[in-house]
PDB file of N, CA and C in Angstrom:
ATOM      1  N   MET A   1     -46.958 -43.478   1.617  1.00  0.00           N
ATOM      2  CA  MET A   1     -46.305 -42.258   1.241  1.00  0.00           C
ATOM      3  C   MET A   1     -44.830 -42.466   0.944  1.00  0.00           C
ATOM      4  N   ASN A   2     -44.024 -41.553   1.523  1.00  0.00           N
ATOM      5  CA  ASN A   2     -42.598 -41.580   1.287  1.00  0.00           C
ATOM      6  C   ASN A   2     -41.918 -42.303   2.441  1.00  0.00           C
ATOM      7  N   ASP A   3     -41.225 -43.405   2.156  1.00  0.00           N
ATOM      8  CA  ASP A   3     -40.605 -44.209   3.205  1.00  0.00           C
ATOM      9  C   ASP A   3     -39.112 -43.957   3.346  1.00  0.00           C
ATOM     10  N   ARG A   4     -38.622 -42.883   2.712  1.00  0.00           N
ATOM     11  CA  ARG A   4     -37.176 -42.611   2.815  1.00  0.00           C
ATOM     12  C   ARG A   4     -36.847 -41.968   4.161  1.00  0.00           C
ATOM     13  N   LYS A   5     -35.638 -42.278   4.651  1.00  0.00           N
ATOM     14  CA  LYS A   5     -35.190 -41.691   5.907  1.00  0.00           C
ATOM     15  C   LYS A   5     -34.675 -40.280   5.629  1.00  0.00           C
ATOM     16  N   ARG A   6     -34.914 -39.432   6.570  1.00  0.00           N
ATOM     17  CA  ARG A   6     -34.389 -38.081   6.462  1.00  0.00           C
ATOM     18  C   ARG A   6     -32.914 -38.068   6.838  1.00  0.00           C
ATOM     19  N   GLY A   7     -32.213 -37.118   6.256  1.00  0.00           N
ATOM     20  CA  GLY A   7     -30.801 -36.958   6.586  1.00  0.00           C
ATOM     21  C   GLY A   7     -30.645 -36.413   7.985  1.00  0.00           C
ATOM     22  N   GLY A   8     -29.569 -36.791   8.646  1.00  0.00           N
ATOM     23  CA  GLY A   8     -29.318 -36.321   9.998  1.00  0.00           C
ATOM     24  C   GLY A   8     -28.828 -34.876   9.997  1.00  0.00           C
ATOM     25  N   LEU A   9     -29.054 -34.217  11.081  1.00  0.00           N
ATOM     26  CA  LEU A   9     -28.608 -32.842  11.245  1.00  0.00           C
ATOM     27  C   LEU A   9     -27.608 -32.813  12.389  1.00  0.00           C
ATOM     28  N   ASP A  10     -26.363 -32.538  12.066  1.00  0.00           N
ATOM     29  CA  ASP A  10     -25.306 -32.505  13.066  1.00  0.00           C
ATOM     30  C   ASP A  10     -25.238 -31.108  13.653  1.00  0.00           C
ATOM     31  N   ILE A  11     -25.756 -30.939  14.856  1.00  0.00           N
ATOM     32  CA  ILE A  11     -25.763 -29.623  15.483  1.00  0.00           C
ATOM     33  C   ILE A  11     -24.798 -29.540  16.658  1.00  0.00           C
ATOM     34  N   GLY A  12     -23.882 -30.447  16.746  1.00  0.00           N
ATOM     35  CA  GLY A  12     -22.797 -30.323  17.699  1.00  0.00           C
ATOM     36  C   GLY A  12     -23.029 -30.915  19.066  1.00  0.00           C
ATOM     37  N   TYR A  13     -23.977 -31.790  19.253  1.00  0.00           N
ATOM     38  CA  TYR A  13     -24.138 -32.441  20.548  1.00  0.00           C
ATOM     39  C   TYR A  13     -24.645 -33.860  20.311  1.00  0.00           C
ATOM     40  N   GLU A  14     -24.475 -34.674  21.349  1.00  0.00           N
ATOM     41  CA  GLU A  14     -24.957 -36.040  21.300  1.00  0.00           C
ATOM     42  C   GLU A  14     -26.064 -36.172  22.350  1.00  0.00           C
ATOM     43  N   ALA A  15     -27.260 -36.369  21.910  1.00  0.00           N
ATOM     44  CA  ALA A  15     -28.384 -36.510  22.829  1.00  0.00           C
ATOM     45  C   ALA A  15     -28.715 -37.984  22.979  1.00  0.00           C
ATOM     46  N   VAL A  16     -28.891 -38.402  24.225  1.00  0.00           N
ATOM     47  CA  VAL A  16     -29.194 -39.798  24.483  1.00  0.00           C
ATOM     48  C   VAL A  16     -30.693 -40.017  24.578  1.00  0.00           C
ATOM     49  N   GLY A  17     -31.378 -39.188  25.315  1.00  0.00           N
ATOM     50  CA  GLY A  17     -32.814 -39.382  25.502  1.00  0.00           C
ATOM     51  C   GLY A  17     -33.614 -38.386  24.671  1.00  0.00           C
ATOM     52  N   PRO A  18     -34.921 -38.628  24.553  1.00  0.00           N
ATOM     53  CA  PRO A  18     -35.751 -37.719  23.760  1.00  0.00           C
ATOM     54  C   PRO A  18     -35.910 -36.349  24.408  1.00  0.00           C
ATOM     55  N   ASP A  19     -35.667 -36.229  25.688  1.00  0.00           N
ATOM     56  CA  ASP A  19     -35.807 -34.930  26.348  1.00  0.00           C
ATOM     57  C   ASP A  19     -34.444 -34.237  26.528  1.00  0.00           C
ATOM     58  N   TYR A  20     -33.395 -34.813  25.996  1.00  0.00           N
ATOM     59  CA  TYR A  20     -32.041 -34.260  26.008  1.00  0.00           C
ATOM     60  C   TYR A  20     -31.505 -34.035  27.425  1.00  0.00           C
ATOM     61  N   THR A  21     -31.896 -34.851  28.364  1.00  0.00           N
ATOM     62  CA  THR A  21     -31.400 -34.704  29.736  1.00  0.00           C
ATOM     63  C   THR A  21     -29.969 -35.198  29.862  1.00  0.00           C
ATOM     64  N   ASP A  22     -29.564 -36.073  28.986  1.00  0.00           N
ATOM     65  CA  ASP A  22     -28.196 -36.598  29.033  1.00  0.00           C
ATOM     66  C   ASP A  22     -27.303 -35.894  28.004  1.00  0.00           C
ATOM     67  N   PHE A  23     -27.406 -34.600  27.935  1.00  0.00           N
ATOM     68  CA  PHE A  23     -26.668 -33.801  26.954  1.00  0.00           C
ATOM     69  C   PHE A  23     -25.170 -33.899  27.204  1.00  0.00           C
ATOM     70  N   LYS A  24     -24.422 -34.202  26.164  1.00  0.00           N
ATOM     71  CA  LYS A  24     -22.961 -34.279  26.229  1.00  0.00           C
ATOM     72  C   LYS A  24     -22.395 -33.470  25.059  1.00  0.00           C
ATOM     73  N   PRO A  25     -21.807 -32.317  25.333  1.00  0.00           N
ATOM     74  CA  PRO A  25     -21.259 -31.537  24.227  1.00  0.00           C
ATOM     75  C   PRO A  25     -20.072 -32.249  23.593  1.00  0.00           C
ATOM     76  N   ARG A  26     -19.988 -32.101  22.314  1.00  0.00           N
ATOM     77  CA  ARG A  26     -18.894 -32.725  21.583  1.00  0.00           C
ATOM     78  C   ARG A  26     -17.640 -31.890  21.783  1.00  0.00           C
ATOM     79  N   THR A  27     -16.527 -32.528  22.025  1.00  0.00           N
ATOM     80  CA  THR A  27     -15.271 -31.809  22.216  1.00  0.00           C
ATOM     81  C   THR A  27     -14.517 -31.784  20.891  1.00  0.00           C
ATOM     82  N   LEU A  28     -13.959 -30.641  20.607  1.00  0.00           N
ATOM     83  CA  LEU A  28     -13.171 -30.475  19.385  1.00  0.00           C
ATOM     84  C   LEU A  28     -11.695 -30.490  19.736  1.00  0.00           C
ATOM     85  N   PRO A  29     -10.870 -30.984  18.844  1.00  0.00           N
ATOM     86  CA  PRO A  29      -9.432 -30.954  19.132  1.00  0.00           C
ATOM     87  C   PRO A  29      -8.935 -29.514  19.171  1.00  0.00           C
ATOM     88  N   HIS A  30      -7.974 -29.272  20.024  1.00  0.00           N
ATOM     89  CA  HIS A  30      -7.412 -27.931  20.144  1.00  0.00           C
ATOM     90  C   HIS A  30      -6.599 -27.600  18.899  1.00  0.00           C
ATOM     91  N   ALA A  31      -6.724 -26.367  18.454  1.00  0.00           N
ATOM     92  CA  ALA A  31      -5.972 -25.929  17.282  1.00  0.00           C
ATOM     93  C   ALA A  31      -4.530 -25.637  17.682  1.00  0.00           C
ATOM     94  N   THR A  32      -3.625 -25.925  16.780  1.00  0.00           N
ATOM     95  CA  THR A  32      -2.225 -25.613  17.048  1.00  0.00           C
ATOM     96  C   THR A  32      -1.988 -24.141  16.727  1.00  0.00           C
ATOM     97  N   PRO A  33      -1.180 -23.450  17.508  1.00  0.00           N
ATOM     98  CA  PRO A  33      -0.931 -22.034  17.235  1.00  0.00           C
ATOM     99  C   PRO A  33      -0.228 -21.859  15.888  1.00  0.00           C
ATOM    100  N   VAL A  34      -0.620 -20.819  15.200  1.00  0.00           N
ATOM    101  CA  VAL A  34      -0.055 -20.531  13.885  1.00  0.00           C
ATOM    102  C   VAL A  34       0.987 -19.441  14.050  1.00  0.00           C
ATOM    103  N   GLU A  35       2.155 -19.638  13.441  1.00  0.00           N
ATOM    104  CA  GLU A  35       3.188 -18.612  13.530  1.00  0.00           C
ATOM    105  C   GLU A  35       2.866 -17.470  12.580  1.00  0.00           C
ATOM    106  N   PRO A  36       3.354 -16.286  12.854  1.00  0.00           N
ATOM    107  CA  PRO A  36       3.071 -15.148  11.972  1.00  0.00           C
ATOM    108  C   PRO A  36       3.542 -15.412  10.554  1.00  0.00           C
ATOM    109  N   ALA A  37       2.771 -14.949   9.590  1.00  0.00           N
ATOM    110  CA  ALA A  37       3.063 -15.224   8.181  1.00  0.00           C
ATOM    111  C   ALA A  37       4.349 -14.556   7.731  1.00  0.00           C
ATOM    112  N   GLY A  38       4.674 -13.418   8.283  1.00  0.00           N
ATOM    113  CA  GLY A  38       5.856 -12.679   7.843  1.00  0.00           C
ATOM    114  C   GLY A  38       7.150 -13.436   8.082  1.00  0.00           C
ATOM    115  N   ARG A  39       7.247 -14.099   9.222  1.00  0.00           N
ATOM    116  CA  ARG A  39       8.485 -14.785   9.555  1.00  0.00           C
ATOM    117  C   ARG A  39       8.734 -15.960   8.615  1.00  0.00           C
ATOM    118  N   SER A  40       7.721 -16.771   8.363  1.00  0.00           N
ATOM    119  CA  SER A  40       7.924 -17.913   7.479  1.00  0.00           C
ATOM    120  C   SER A  40       8.165 -17.463   6.050  1.00  0.00           C
ATOM    121  N   ALA A  41       7.545 -16.343   5.644  1.00  0.00           N
ATOM    122  CA  ALA A  41       7.770 -15.830   4.288  1.00  0.00           C
ATOM    123  C   ALA A  41       9.206 -15.335   4.141  1.00  0.00           C
ATOM    124  N   GLN A  42       9.732 -14.672   5.172  1.00  0.00           N
ATOM    125  CA  GLN A  42      11.110 -14.200   5.106  1.00  0.00           C
ATOM    126  C   GLN A  42      12.082 -15.369   5.068  1.00  0.00           C
ATOM    127  N   GLU A  43      11.790 -16.410   5.829  1.00  0.00           N
ATOM    128  CA  GLU A  43      12.655 -17.585   5.815  1.00  0.00           C
ATOM    129  C   GLU A  43      12.640 -18.265   4.461  1.00  0.00           C
ATOM    130  N   ALA A  44      11.513 -18.167   3.751  1.00  0.00           N
ATOM    131  CA  ALA A  44      11.409 -18.777   2.434  1.00  0.00           C
ATOM    132  C   ALA A  44      12.000 -17.883   1.347  1.00  0.00           C
ATOM    133  N   GLY A  45      12.378 -16.640   1.694  1.00  0.00           N
ATOM    134  CA  GLY A  45      13.015 -15.765   0.724  1.00  0.00           C
ATOM    135  C   GLY A  45      12.086 -14.781   0.045  1.00  0.00           C
ATOM    136  N   PHE A  46      10.843 -14.688   0.500  1.00  0.00           N
ATOM    137  CA  PHE A  46       9.906 -13.740  -0.100  1.00  0.00           C
ATOM    138  C   PHE A  46      10.084 -12.372   0.544  1.00  0.00           C
ATOM    139  N   THR A  47       9.832 -11.335  -0.255  1.00  0.00           N
ATOM    140  CA  THR A  47       9.876  -9.976   0.271  1.00  0.00           C
ATOM    141  C   THR A  47       8.507  -9.340   0.086  1.00  0.00           C
ATOM    142  N   THR A  48       8.240  -8.331   0.884  1.00  0.00           N
ATOM    143  CA  THR A  48       6.961  -7.650   0.785  1.00  0.00           C
ATOM    144  C   THR A  48       7.027  -6.575  -0.286  1.00  0.00           C
ATOM    145  N   ARG A  49       5.851  -6.139  -0.746  1.00  0.00           N
ATOM    146  CA  ARG A  49       5.818  -5.093  -1.765  1.00  0.00           C
ATOM    147  C   ARG A  49       6.259  -3.755  -1.200  1.00  0.00           C
ATOM    148  N   HIS A  50       6.048  -3.552   0.075  1.00  0.00           N
ATOM    149  CA  HIS A  50       6.399  -2.273   0.672  1.00  0.00           C
ATOM    150  C   HIS A  50       7.793  -2.297   1.291  1.00  0.00           C
ATOM    151  N   ALA A  51       8.675  -3.161   0.789  1.00  0.00           N
ATOM    152  CA  ALA A  51      10.021  -3.251   1.337  1.00  0.00           C
ATOM    153  C   ALA A  51      10.837  -1.998   1.023  1.00  0.00           C
ATOM    154  N   THR A  52      10.622  -1.392  -0.146  1.00  0.00           N
ATOM    155  CA  THR A  52      11.338  -0.172  -0.476  1.00  0.00           C
ATOM    156  C   THR A  52      10.497   1.015  -0.039  1.00  0.00           C
ATOM    157  N   PRO A  53      11.112   1.966   0.620  1.00  0.00           N
ATOM    158  CA  PRO A  53      10.318   3.113   1.087  1.00  0.00           C
ATOM    159  C   PRO A  53       9.828   3.947  -0.089  1.00  0.00           C
ATOM    160  N   ALA A  54       8.622   4.422   0.029  1.00  0.00           N
ATOM    161  CA  ALA A  54       8.040   5.257  -1.017  1.00  0.00           C
ATOM    162  C   ALA A  54       8.647   6.654  -0.935  1.00  0.00           C
ATOM    163  N   PRO A  55       8.791   7.326  -2.076  1.00  0.00           N
ATOM    164  CA  PRO A  55       9.324   8.687  -2.011  1.00  0.00           C
ATOM    165  C   PRO A  55       8.355   9.594  -1.273  1.00  0.00           C
ATOM    166  N   PRO A  56       8.867  10.605  -0.608  1.00  0.00           N
ATOM    167  CA  PRO A  56       7.972  11.485   0.144  1.00  0.00           C
ATOM    168  C   PRO A  56       7.015  12.222  -0.788  1.00  0.00           C
ATOM    169  N   ARG A  57       5.784  12.340  -0.354  1.00  0.00           N
ATOM    170  CA  ARG A  57       4.780  13.033  -1.148  1.00  0.00           C
ATOM    171  C   ARG A  57       4.804  14.505  -0.792  1.00  0.00           C
ATOM    172  N   ILE A  58       4.650  15.333  -1.798  1.00  0.00           N
ATOM    173  CA  ILE A  58       4.616  16.774  -1.584  1.00  0.00           C
ATOM    174  C   ILE A  58       3.178  17.220  -1.709  1.00  0.00           C
ATOM    175  N   ASP A  59       2.704  17.912  -0.715  1.00  0.00           N
ATOM    176  CA  ASP A  59       1.342  18.425  -0.798  1.00  0.00           C
ATOM    177  C   ASP A  59       1.372  19.946  -0.773  1.00  0.00           C
ATOM    178  N   GLY A  60       0.220  20.551  -0.900  1.00  0.00           N
ATOM    179  CA  GLY A  60       0.113  22.000  -0.983  1.00  0.00           C
ATOM    180  C   GLY A  60       0.602  22.720   0.246  1.00  0.00           C
ATOM    181  N   ARG A  61       0.520  22.086   1.403  1.00  0.00           N
ATOM    182  CA  ARG A  61       0.951  22.752   2.632  1.00  0.00           C
ATOM    183  C   ARG A  61       2.432  23.061   2.610  1.00  0.00           C
ATOM    184  N   SER A  62       3.253  22.135   2.121  1.00  0.00           N
ATOM    185  CA  SER A  62       4.687  22.395   2.095  1.00  0.00           C
ATOM    186  C   SER A  62       5.029  23.442   1.044  1.00  0.00           C
ATOM    187  N   LEU A  63       4.286  23.491  -0.044  1.00  0.00           N
ATOM    188  CA  LEU A  63       4.545  24.512  -1.054  1.00  0.00           C
ATOM    189  C   LEU A  63       4.188  25.892  -0.533  1.00  0.00           C
ATOM    190  N   ARG A  64       3.104  26.017   0.186  1.00  0.00           N
ATOM    191  CA  ARG A  64       2.713  27.311   0.737  1.00  0.00           C
ATOM    192  C   ARG A  64       3.717  27.804   1.782  1.00  0.00           C
ATOM    193  N   SER A  65       4.327  26.900   2.502  1.00  0.00           N
ATOM    194  CA  SER A  65       5.286  27.316   3.522  1.00  0.00           C
ATOM    195  C   SER A  65       6.531  27.916   2.894  1.00  0.00           C
ATOM    196  N   THR A  66       6.791  27.646   1.627  1.00  0.00           N
ATOM    197  CA  THR A  66       7.931  28.240   0.933  1.00  0.00           C
ATOM    198  C   THR A  66       7.472  29.349   0.002  1.00  0.00           C
ATOM    199  N   ASN A  67       6.254  29.844   0.189  1.00  0.00           N
ATOM    200  CA  ASN A  67       5.676  30.937  -0.593  1.00  0.00           C
ATOM    201  C   ASN A  67       5.456  30.536  -2.059  1.00  0.00           C
ATOM    202  N   ARG A  68       5.282  29.272  -2.327  1.00  0.00           N
ATOM    203  CA  ARG A  68       4.961  28.810  -3.675  1.00  0.00           C
ATOM    204  C   ARG A  68       3.463  28.544  -3.726  1.00  0.00           C
ATOM    205  N   THR A  69       2.725  29.525  -4.185  1.00  0.00           N
ATOM    206  CA  THR A  69       1.275  29.384  -4.219  1.00  0.00           C
ATOM    207  C   THR A  69       0.718  29.367  -5.636  1.00  0.00           C
ATOM    208  N   ALA A  70       1.541  29.670  -6.638  1.00  0.00           N
ATOM    209  CA  ALA A  70       1.092  29.650  -8.033  1.00  0.00           C
ATOM    210  C   ALA A  70       1.723  28.456  -8.731  1.00  0.00           C
ATOM    211  N   GLN A  71       1.070  28.021  -9.783  1.00  0.00           N
ATOM    212  CA  GLN A  71       1.562  26.859 -10.509  1.00  0.00           C
ATOM    213  C   GLN A  71       1.735  27.219 -11.971  1.00  0.00           C
ATOM    214  N   LEU A  72       2.815  26.735 -12.589  1.00  0.00           N
ATOM    215  CA  LEU A  72       3.105  26.971 -13.991  1.00  0.00           C
ATOM    216  C   LEU A  72       3.104  25.622 -14.699  1.00  0.00           C
ATOM    217  N   ASN A  73       2.206  25.455 -15.655  1.00  0.00           N
ATOM    218  CA  ASN A  73       2.137  24.205 -16.416  1.00  0.00           C
ATOM    219  C   ASN A  73       2.424  24.502 -17.879  1.00  0.00           C
ATOM    220  N   ILE A  74       3.368  23.766 -18.441  1.00  0.00           N
ATOM    221  CA  ILE A  74       3.632  23.871 -19.873  1.00  0.00           C
ATOM    222  C   ILE A  74       3.692  22.468 -20.449  1.00  0.00           C
ATOM    223  N   ALA A  75       3.255  22.332 -21.675  1.00  0.00           N
ATOM    224  CA  ALA A  75       3.282  21.039 -22.338  1.00  0.00           C
ATOM    225  C   ALA A  75       4.605  20.893 -23.076  1.00  0.00           C
ATOM    226  N   VAL A  76       5.326  19.837 -22.777  1.00  0.00           N
ATOM    227  CA  VAL A  76       6.613  19.571 -23.419  1.00  0.00           C
ATOM    228  C   VAL A  76       6.655  18.100 -23.817  1.00  0.00           C
ATOM    229  N   SER A  77       7.607  17.768 -24.652  1.00  0.00           N
ATOM    230  CA  SER A  77       7.795  16.362 -25.018  1.00  0.00           C
ATOM    231  C   SER A  77       8.502  15.644 -23.872  1.00  0.00           C
ATOM    232  N   PRO A  78       8.372  14.341 -23.808  1.00  0.00           N
ATOM    233  CA  PRO A  78       9.060  13.602 -22.742  1.00  0.00           C
ATOM    234  C   PRO A  78      10.581  13.811 -22.760  1.00  0.00           C
ATOM    235  N   GLU A  79      11.145  13.968 -23.937  1.00  0.00           N
ATOM    236  CA  GLU A  79      12.592  14.186 -24.032  1.00  0.00           C
ATOM    237  C   GLU A  79      12.981  15.528 -23.412  1.00  0.00           C
ATOM    238  N   THR A  80      12.165  16.576 -23.664  1.00  0.00           N
ATOM    239  CA  THR A  80      12.448  17.888 -23.096  1.00  0.00           C
ATOM    240  C   THR A  80      12.332  17.860 -21.586  1.00  0.00           C
ATOM    241  N   LYS A  81      11.325  17.186 -21.088  1.00  0.00           N
ATOM    242  CA  LYS A  81      11.152  17.072 -19.640  1.00  0.00           C
ATOM    243  C   LYS A  81      12.344  16.360 -19.008  1.00  0.00           C
ATOM    244  N   GLU A  82      12.783  15.266 -19.615  1.00  0.00           N
ATOM    245  CA  GLU A  82      13.921  14.511 -19.094  1.00  0.00           C
ATOM    246  C   GLU A  82      15.189  15.365 -19.133  1.00  0.00           C
ATOM    247  N   ARG A  83      15.364  16.103 -20.207  1.00  0.00           N
ATOM    248  CA  ARG A  83      16.546  16.973 -20.335  1.00  0.00           C
ATOM    249  C   ARG A  83      16.519  18.070 -19.270  1.00  0.00           C
ATOM    250  N   PHE A  84      15.342  18.676 -19.051  1.00  0.00           N
ATOM    251  CA  PHE A  84      15.214  19.721 -18.040  1.00  0.00           C
ATOM    252  C   PHE A  84      15.637  19.209 -16.678  1.00  0.00           C
ATOM    253  N   TRP A  85      15.100  18.053 -16.270  1.00  0.00           N
ATOM    254  CA  TRP A  85      15.389  17.551 -14.928  1.00  0.00           C
ATOM    255  C   TRP A  85      16.817  17.028 -14.802  1.00  0.00           C
ATOM    256  N   SER A  86      17.383  16.485 -15.864  1.00  0.00           N
ATOM    257  CA  SER A  86      18.781  16.034 -15.779  1.00  0.00           C
ATOM    258  C   SER A  86      19.724  17.231 -15.691  1.00  0.00           C
ATOM    259  N   LEU A  87      19.425  18.324 -16.424  1.00  0.00           N
ATOM    260  CA  LEU A  87      20.236  19.536 -16.312  1.00  0.00           C
ATOM    261  C   LEU A  87      20.067  20.185 -14.932  1.00  0.00           C
ATOM    262  N   ALA A  88      18.859  20.177 -14.404  1.00  0.00           N
ATOM    263  CA  ALA A  88      18.616  20.732 -13.071  1.00  0.00           C
ATOM    264  C   ALA A  88      19.385  19.949 -12.014  1.00  0.00           C
ATOM    265  N   GLN A  89      19.406  18.647 -12.161  1.00  0.00           N
ATOM    266  CA  GLN A  89      20.144  17.824 -11.197  1.00  0.00           C
ATOM    267  C   GLN A  89      21.644  18.065 -11.325  1.00  0.00           C
ATOM    268  N   ALA A  90      22.126  18.196 -12.551  1.00  0.00           N
ATOM    269  CA  ALA A  90      23.554  18.453 -12.758  1.00  0.00           C
ATOM    270  C   ALA A  90      23.948  19.831 -12.217  1.00  0.00           C
ATOM    271  N   ALA A  91      23.003  20.791 -12.250  1.00  0.00           N
ATOM    272  CA  ALA A  91      23.287  22.129 -11.730  1.00  0.00           C
ATOM    273  C   ALA A  91      23.258  22.153 -10.207  1.00  0.00           C
ATOM    274  N   GLY A  92      22.728  21.127  -9.598  1.00  0.00           N
ATOM    275  CA  GLY A  92      22.716  21.020  -8.143  1.00  0.00           C
ATOM    276  C   GLY A  92      21.640  21.850  -7.467  1.00  0.00           C
ATOM    277  N   VAL A  93      20.572  22.159  -8.168  1.00  0.00           N
ATOM    278  CA  VAL A  93      19.491  22.933  -7.569  1.00  0.00           C
ATOM    279  C   VAL A  93      18.519  21.995  -6.868  1.00  0.00           C
ATOM    280  N   GLN A  94      17.750  22.543  -5.923  1.00  0.00           N
ATOM    281  CA  GLN A  94      16.827  21.729  -5.131  1.00  0.00           C
ATOM    282  C   GLN A  94      15.457  21.596  -5.786  1.00  0.00           C
ATOM    283  N   THR A  95      15.012  22.626  -6.501  1.00  0.00           N
ATOM    284  CA  THR A  95      13.670  22.594  -7.081  1.00  0.00           C
ATOM    285  C   THR A  95      13.721  23.007  -8.543  1.00  0.00           C
ATOM    286  N   GLY A  96      12.661  22.688  -9.262  1.00  0.00           N
ATOM    287  CA  GLY A  96      12.547  23.115 -10.648  1.00  0.00           C
ATOM    288  C   GLY A  96      12.454  24.622 -10.756  1.00  0.00           C
ATOM    289  N   GLU A  97      11.841  25.243  -9.754  1.00  0.00           N
ATOM    290  CA  GLU A  97      11.738  26.706  -9.759  1.00  0.00           C
ATOM    291  C   GLU A  97      13.117  27.352  -9.685  1.00  0.00           C
ATOM    292  N   ASP A  98      14.006  26.829  -8.850  1.00  0.00           N
ATOM    293  CA  ASP A  98      15.355  27.381  -8.747  1.00  0.00           C
ATOM    294  C   ASP A  98      16.097  27.274 -10.077  1.00  0.00           C
ATOM    295  N   PHE A  99      15.943  26.148 -10.755  1.00  0.00           N
ATOM    296  CA  PHE A  99      16.610  25.975 -12.046  1.00  0.00           C
ATOM    297  C   PHE A  99      16.003  26.900 -13.095  1.00  0.00           C
ATOM    298  N   LEU A 100      14.691  27.055 -13.079  1.00  0.00           N
ATOM    299  CA  LEU A 100      14.033  27.961 -14.018  1.00  0.00           C
ATOM    300  C   LEU A 100      14.493  29.405 -13.793  1.00  0.00           C
ATOM    301  N   LYS A 101      14.650  29.806 -12.538  1.00  0.00           N
ATOM    302  CA  LYS A 101      15.161  31.148 -12.241  1.00  0.00           C
ATOM    303  C   LYS A 101      16.569  31.335 -12.797  1.00  0.00           C
ATOM    304  N   ARG A 102      17.421  30.312 -12.656  1.00  0.00           N
ATOM    305  CA  ARG A 102      18.785  30.397 -13.208  1.00  0.00           C
ATOM    306  C   ARG A 102      18.742  30.564 -14.719  1.00  0.00           C
ATOM    307  N   LEU A 103      17.870  29.800 -15.360  1.00  0.00           N
ATOM    308  CA  LEU A 103      17.756  29.905 -16.815  1.00  0.00           C
ATOM    309  C   LEU A 103      17.283  31.298 -17.223  1.00  0.00           C
ATOM    310  N   MET A 104      16.280  31.824 -16.536  1.00  0.00           N
ATOM    311  CA  MET A 104      15.755  33.150 -16.874  1.00  0.00           C
ATOM    312  C   MET A 104      16.797  34.229 -16.586  1.00  0.00           C
ATOM    313  N   ASP A 105      17.521  34.133 -15.469  1.00  0.00           N
ATOM    314  CA  ASP A 105      18.548  35.102 -15.153  1.00  0.00           C
ATOM    315  C   ASP A 105      19.671  35.061 -16.202  1.00  0.00           C
ATOM    316  N   GLY A 106      20.014  33.864 -16.646  1.00  0.00           N
ATOM    317  CA  GLY A 106      21.045  33.745 -17.675  1.00  0.00           C
ATOM    318  C   GLY A 106      20.600  34.322 -19.000  1.00  0.00           C
ATOM    319  N   LEU A 107      19.340  34.158 -19.318  1.00  0.00           N
ATOM    320  CA  LEU A 107      18.819  34.702 -20.568  1.00  0.00           C
ATOM    321  C   LEU A 107      18.774  36.229 -20.513  1.00  0.00           C
ATOM    322  N   VAL A 108      18.358  36.797 -19.431  1.00  0.00           N
ATOM    323  CA  VAL A 108      18.296  38.249 -19.285  1.00  0.00           C
ATOM    324  C   VAL A 108      19.701  38.820 -19.221  1.00  0.00           C
ATOM    325  N   GLY A 109      20.626  38.158 -18.603  1.00  0.00           N
ATOM    326  CA  GLY A 109      22.004  38.637 -18.478  1.00  0.00           C
ATOM    327  C   GLY A 109      22.760  38.625 -19.799  1.00  0.00           C
ATOM    328  N   ASN A 110      22.382  37.773 -20.751  1.00  0.00           N
ATOM    329  CA  ASN A 110      23.063  37.680 -22.034  1.00  0.00           C
ATOM    330  C   ASN A 110      22.596  38.707 -23.026  1.00  0.00           C
ATOM    331  N   GLN A 111      21.533  39.417 -22.765  1.00  0.00           N
ATOM    332  CA  GLN A 111      21.018  40.374 -23.755  1.00  0.00           C
ATOM    333  C   GLN A 111      21.586  41.745 -23.571  1.00  0.00           C
TER     334      GLN A 111
END
């Protein structure tokens, strides 16, 4: 038949006799402790992606607490949107609604 030797199976022990009475477990070298990845990365000059704080998210709960329960959506060009928010910031208002109220009050007052 086939006279080839079978490959050995390393299952982690050294058996001396056929009944395994002289079992000797193989010892593995101890692993060296690994330092935390963050410290070595900082020493190498790398920064994490979350190094800059994310802007606070506004959810519906905070809007309801200020009695803002309706939403107004209008389609504008990107230039108009940028102009609106830059003018609102220059006016020193806290929200877009406050700036919109100023604009509406000014329009009604001029007529």
